[in-house]
């Protein structure tokens, strides 16, 4: 049951940003040690990724457009594949 299953998305500041910009992003997202975990229902994981534009973060040239990136990309890809099956 994907509605009841949850997934912890690990977010981190975009490494393409400067150190000071990463620090500001970490404060904005209340990150601890440069990471923030957001619990998302697996059924909504696709939409969460789209809303934060995490699905295209590696395709954009301007890191200011995507201030955070997924720190656990392999795990989120596996969870998305499971949710889409």
N, C-alpha and C. Protein backbone atom coordinates (compact mmCIF):
# COMPACT_ATOMS: atom_id res chain seq x y z
N UNK A 1 0.83 -1.18 0.00
CA UNK A 1 0.00 0.00 0.00
C UNK A 1 0.88 1.25 0.00
N UNK A 2 0.98 1.86 -1.12
CA UNK A 2 1.86 3.02 -1.24
C UNK A 2 1.39 4.22 -0.44
N UNK A 3 0.09 4.31 -0.18
CA UNK A 3 -0.41 5.46 0.56
C UNK A 3 0.10 5.45 2.00
N UNK A 4 0.22 4.27 2.58
CA UNK A 4 0.64 4.15 3.97
C UNK A 4 2.16 4.10 4.12
N UNK A 5 2.86 3.76 3.05
CA UNK A 5 4.32 3.68 3.10
C UNK A 5 4.91 5.07 2.95
N UNK A 6 5.93 5.32 3.74
CA UNK A 6 6.61 6.62 3.67
C UNK A 6 8.07 6.42 3.30
N UNK A 7 8.65 7.48 2.75
CA UNK A 7 10.04 7.44 2.31
C UNK A 7 10.73 8.71 2.81
N UNK A 8 11.93 8.56 3.32
CA UNK A 8 12.71 9.70 3.80
C UNK A 8 13.58 10.24 2.67
N UNK A 9 13.21 11.40 2.16
CA UNK A 9 14.00 12.07 1.13
C UNK A 9 15.06 12.91 1.83
N UNK A 10 16.31 12.65 1.53
CA UNK A 10 17.42 13.41 2.11
C UNK A 10 17.78 14.56 1.16
N UNK A 11 17.66 15.77 1.66
CA UNK A 11 17.98 16.95 0.86
C UNK A 11 19.28 17.56 1.34
N UNK A 12 20.02 18.14 0.40
CA UNK A 12 21.28 18.81 0.71
C UNK A 12 21.37 20.06 -0.16
N UNK A 13 22.12 21.06 0.27
CA UNK A 13 22.31 22.24 -0.59
C UNK A 13 22.98 21.82 -1.90
N UNK A 14 22.62 22.49 -2.96
CA UNK A 14 23.22 22.21 -4.26
C UNK A 14 24.73 22.47 -4.17
N UNK A 15 25.56 21.46 -4.46
CA UNK A 15 27.01 21.64 -4.33
C UNK A 15 27.59 22.64 -5.32
N UNK A 16 26.83 23.02 -6.35
CA UNK A 16 27.32 24.00 -7.31
C UNK A 16 27.21 25.43 -6.77
N UNK A 17 26.52 25.61 -5.65
CA UNK A 17 26.44 26.93 -5.02
C UNK A 17 27.71 27.21 -4.24
N UNK A 18 27.96 28.48 -3.97
CA UNK A 18 29.13 28.85 -3.16
C UNK A 18 28.90 28.39 -1.72
N UNK A 19 29.96 28.37 -0.93
CA UNK A 19 29.86 27.94 0.48
C UNK A 19 28.86 28.81 1.25
N UNK A 20 28.91 30.11 1.03
CA UNK A 20 28.00 31.00 1.75
C UNK A 20 26.55 30.78 1.32
N UNK A 21 26.34 30.53 0.03
CA UNK A 21 25.00 30.25 -0.46
C UNK A 21 24.49 28.92 0.10
N UNK A 22 25.37 27.92 0.16
CA UNK A 22 24.98 26.63 0.73
C UNK A 22 24.60 26.79 2.20
N UNK A 23 25.32 27.63 2.91
CA UNK A 23 25.03 27.88 4.32
C UNK A 23 23.64 28.50 4.49
N UNK A 24 23.31 29.43 3.63
CA UNK A 24 22.00 30.09 3.69
C UNK A 24 20.90 29.08 3.39
N UNK A 25 21.11 28.25 2.37
CA UNK A 25 20.12 27.21 2.03
C UNK A 25 19.94 26.25 3.20
N UNK A 26 21.04 25.86 3.82
CA UNK A 26 20.97 24.95 4.97
C UNK A 26 20.15 25.58 6.10
N UNK A 27 20.31 26.88 6.31
CA UNK A 27 19.52 27.56 7.34
C UNK A 27 18.05 27.62 6.94
N UNK A 28 17.78 27.96 5.68
CA UNK A 28 16.40 28.07 5.20
C UNK A 28 15.64 26.75 5.34
N UNK A 29 16.31 25.65 5.10
CA UNK A 29 15.68 24.32 5.16
C UNK A 29 15.90 23.64 6.52
N UNK A 30 16.44 24.39 7.48
CA UNK A 30 16.69 23.87 8.83
C UNK A 30 17.47 22.55 8.80
N UNK A 31 18.53 22.54 8.01
CA UNK A 31 19.35 21.34 7.85
C UNK A 31 20.28 21.17 9.04
N UNK A 32 20.52 19.94 9.38
CA UNK A 32 21.49 19.58 10.41
C UNK A 32 22.65 18.89 9.71
N UNK A 33 23.86 19.40 9.89
CA UNK A 33 25.05 18.84 9.23
C UNK A 33 24.89 18.80 7.71
N UNK A 34 24.24 19.81 7.16
CA UNK A 34 24.10 19.91 5.71
C UNK A 34 23.08 18.97 5.09
N UNK A 35 22.19 18.41 5.91
CA UNK A 35 21.17 17.49 5.41
C UNK A 35 19.83 17.77 6.09
N UNK A 36 18.76 17.56 5.34
CA UNK A 36 17.41 17.61 5.90
C UNK A 36 16.66 16.40 5.37
N UNK A 37 15.94 15.74 6.25
CA UNK A 37 15.12 14.61 5.83
C UNK A 37 13.66 15.03 5.83
N UNK A 38 12.99 14.72 4.73
CA UNK A 38 11.58 15.02 4.59
C UNK A 38 10.86 13.70 4.36
N UNK A 39 9.91 13.40 5.23
CA UNK A 39 9.13 12.18 5.08
C UNK A 39 8.00 12.44 4.08
N UNK A 40 7.94 11.58 3.05
CA UNK A 40 6.96 11.74 1.98
C UNK A 40 6.27 10.40 1.78
N UNK A 41 4.96 10.43 1.59
CA UNK A 41 4.26 9.20 1.24
C UNK A 41 4.77 8.73 -0.12
N UNK A 42 5.01 7.43 -0.24
CA UNK A 42 5.54 6.92 -1.51
C UNK A 42 4.60 7.24 -2.66
N UNK A 43 3.30 7.27 -2.39
CA UNK A 43 2.33 7.57 -3.44
C UNK A 43 2.49 9.00 -3.96
N UNK A 44 3.08 9.88 -3.17
CA UNK A 44 3.24 11.28 -3.55
C UNK A 44 4.68 11.65 -3.87
N UNK A 45 5.56 10.69 -3.87
CA UNK A 45 6.98 10.94 -4.09
C UNK A 45 7.24 11.59 -5.44
N UNK A 46 6.58 11.12 -6.47
CA UNK A 46 6.73 11.69 -7.82
C UNK A 46 6.40 13.18 -7.81
N UNK A 47 5.29 13.55 -7.17
CA UNK A 47 4.85 14.94 -7.15
C UNK A 47 5.75 15.81 -6.27
N UNK A 48 6.26 15.24 -5.19
CA UNK A 48 7.20 15.96 -4.34
C UNK A 48 8.45 16.31 -5.14
N UNK A 49 8.94 15.36 -5.88
CA UNK A 49 10.14 15.57 -6.70
C UNK A 49 9.89 16.64 -7.77
N UNK A 50 8.72 16.60 -8.39
CA UNK A 50 8.38 17.60 -9.41
C UNK A 50 8.24 18.99 -8.80
N UNK A 51 7.60 19.07 -7.63
CA UNK A 51 7.34 20.36 -6.99
C UNK A 51 8.64 21.09 -6.66
N UNK A 52 9.63 20.36 -6.16
CA UNK A 52 10.91 20.97 -5.83
C UNK A 52 11.88 20.96 -7.01
N UNK A 53 11.42 20.47 -8.15
CA UNK A 53 12.21 20.38 -9.38
C UNK A 53 13.46 19.52 -9.19
N UNK A 54 13.35 18.54 -8.31
CA UNK A 54 14.48 17.66 -8.03
C UNK A 54 14.74 16.70 -9.18
N UNK A 55 13.73 16.50 -10.02
CA UNK A 55 13.87 15.58 -11.15
C UNK A 55 14.74 16.15 -12.26
N UNK A 56 14.91 17.47 -12.29
CA UNK A 56 15.70 18.09 -13.36
C UNK A 56 16.93 18.82 -12.83
N UNK A 57 17.22 18.66 -11.55
CA UNK A 57 18.31 19.40 -10.92
C UNK A 57 19.65 19.18 -11.61
N UNK A 58 19.91 17.98 -12.08
CA UNK A 58 21.20 17.69 -12.71
C UNK A 58 21.25 18.12 -14.17
N UNK A 59 20.14 18.60 -14.72
CA UNK A 59 20.10 19.00 -16.13
C UNK A 59 20.20 20.51 -16.32
N UNK A 60 20.07 21.26 -15.24
CA UNK A 60 20.10 22.71 -15.33
C UNK A 60 21.51 23.25 -15.11
N UNK A 61 21.83 24.31 -15.82
CA UNK A 61 23.14 24.93 -15.71
C UNK A 61 23.22 25.94 -14.55
N UNK A 62 22.08 26.46 -14.14
CA UNK A 62 22.06 27.50 -13.11
C UNK A 62 21.68 26.90 -11.76
N UNK A 63 22.62 26.76 -10.84
CA UNK A 63 22.32 26.14 -9.54
C UNK A 63 21.35 26.98 -8.69
N UNK A 64 21.17 28.25 -9.02
CA UNK A 64 20.25 29.09 -8.26
C UNK A 64 18.80 28.69 -8.51
N UNK A 65 18.54 28.01 -9.62
CA UNK A 65 17.19 27.56 -9.92
C UNK A 65 16.80 26.36 -9.06
N UNK A 66 17.77 25.58 -8.64
CA UNK A 66 17.54 24.39 -7.82
C UNK A 66 18.46 24.49 -6.60
N UNK A 67 17.99 25.10 -5.51
CA UNK A 67 18.88 25.31 -4.36
C UNK A 67 19.19 24.04 -3.57
N UNK A 68 18.32 23.02 -3.68
CA UNK A 68 18.57 21.76 -2.97
C UNK A 68 18.60 20.61 -3.96
N UNK A 69 19.35 19.58 -3.60
CA UNK A 69 19.43 18.36 -4.41
C UNK A 69 19.14 17.17 -3.50
N UNK A 70 18.82 16.05 -4.12
CA UNK A 70 18.56 14.82 -3.37
C UNK A 70 19.89 14.18 -3.01
N UNK A 71 20.09 13.92 -1.73
CA UNK A 71 21.33 13.30 -1.27
C UNK A 71 21.29 11.78 -1.36
N UNK A 72 20.10 11.22 -1.40
CA UNK A 72 19.95 9.76 -1.51
C UNK A 72 19.27 9.40 -2.84
N UNK A 73 19.89 9.83 -3.94
CA UNK A 73 19.32 9.68 -5.28
C UNK A 73 19.02 8.23 -5.64
N UNK A 74 19.92 7.30 -5.39
CA UNK A 74 19.69 5.89 -5.75
C UNK A 74 18.47 5.34 -5.02
N UNK A 75 18.34 5.69 -3.75
CA UNK A 75 17.21 5.20 -2.96
C UNK A 75 15.89 5.80 -3.45
N UNK A 76 15.90 7.08 -3.81
CA UNK A 76 14.67 7.70 -4.29
C UNK A 76 14.28 7.14 -5.66
N UNK A 77 15.27 6.87 -6.51
CA UNK A 77 14.98 6.27 -7.81
C UNK A 77 14.35 4.89 -7.64
N UNK A 78 14.86 4.11 -6.70
CA UNK A 78 14.30 2.78 -6.44
C UNK A 78 12.88 2.89 -5.89
N UNK A 79 12.65 3.84 -4.99
CA UNK A 79 11.31 4.04 -4.42
C UNK A 79 10.33 4.51 -5.49
N UNK A 80 10.79 5.37 -6.39
CA UNK A 80 9.93 5.82 -7.49
C UNK A 80 9.58 4.68 -8.43
N UNK A 81 10.56 3.84 -8.73
CA UNK A 81 10.31 2.68 -9.59
C UNK A 81 9.28 1.76 -8.95
N UNK A 82 9.39 1.56 -7.65
CA UNK A 82 8.42 0.73 -6.92
C UNK A 82 7.04 1.37 -6.95
N UNK A 83 6.98 2.69 -6.77
CA UNK A 83 5.70 3.39 -6.76
C UNK A 83 5.03 3.38 -8.12
N UNK A 84 5.81 3.39 -9.18
CA UNK A 84 5.26 3.42 -10.53
C UNK A 84 4.87 2.03 -11.03
N UNK A 85 5.32 1.00 -10.35
CA UNK A 85 5.03 -0.37 -10.81
C UNK A 85 3.60 -0.77 -10.53
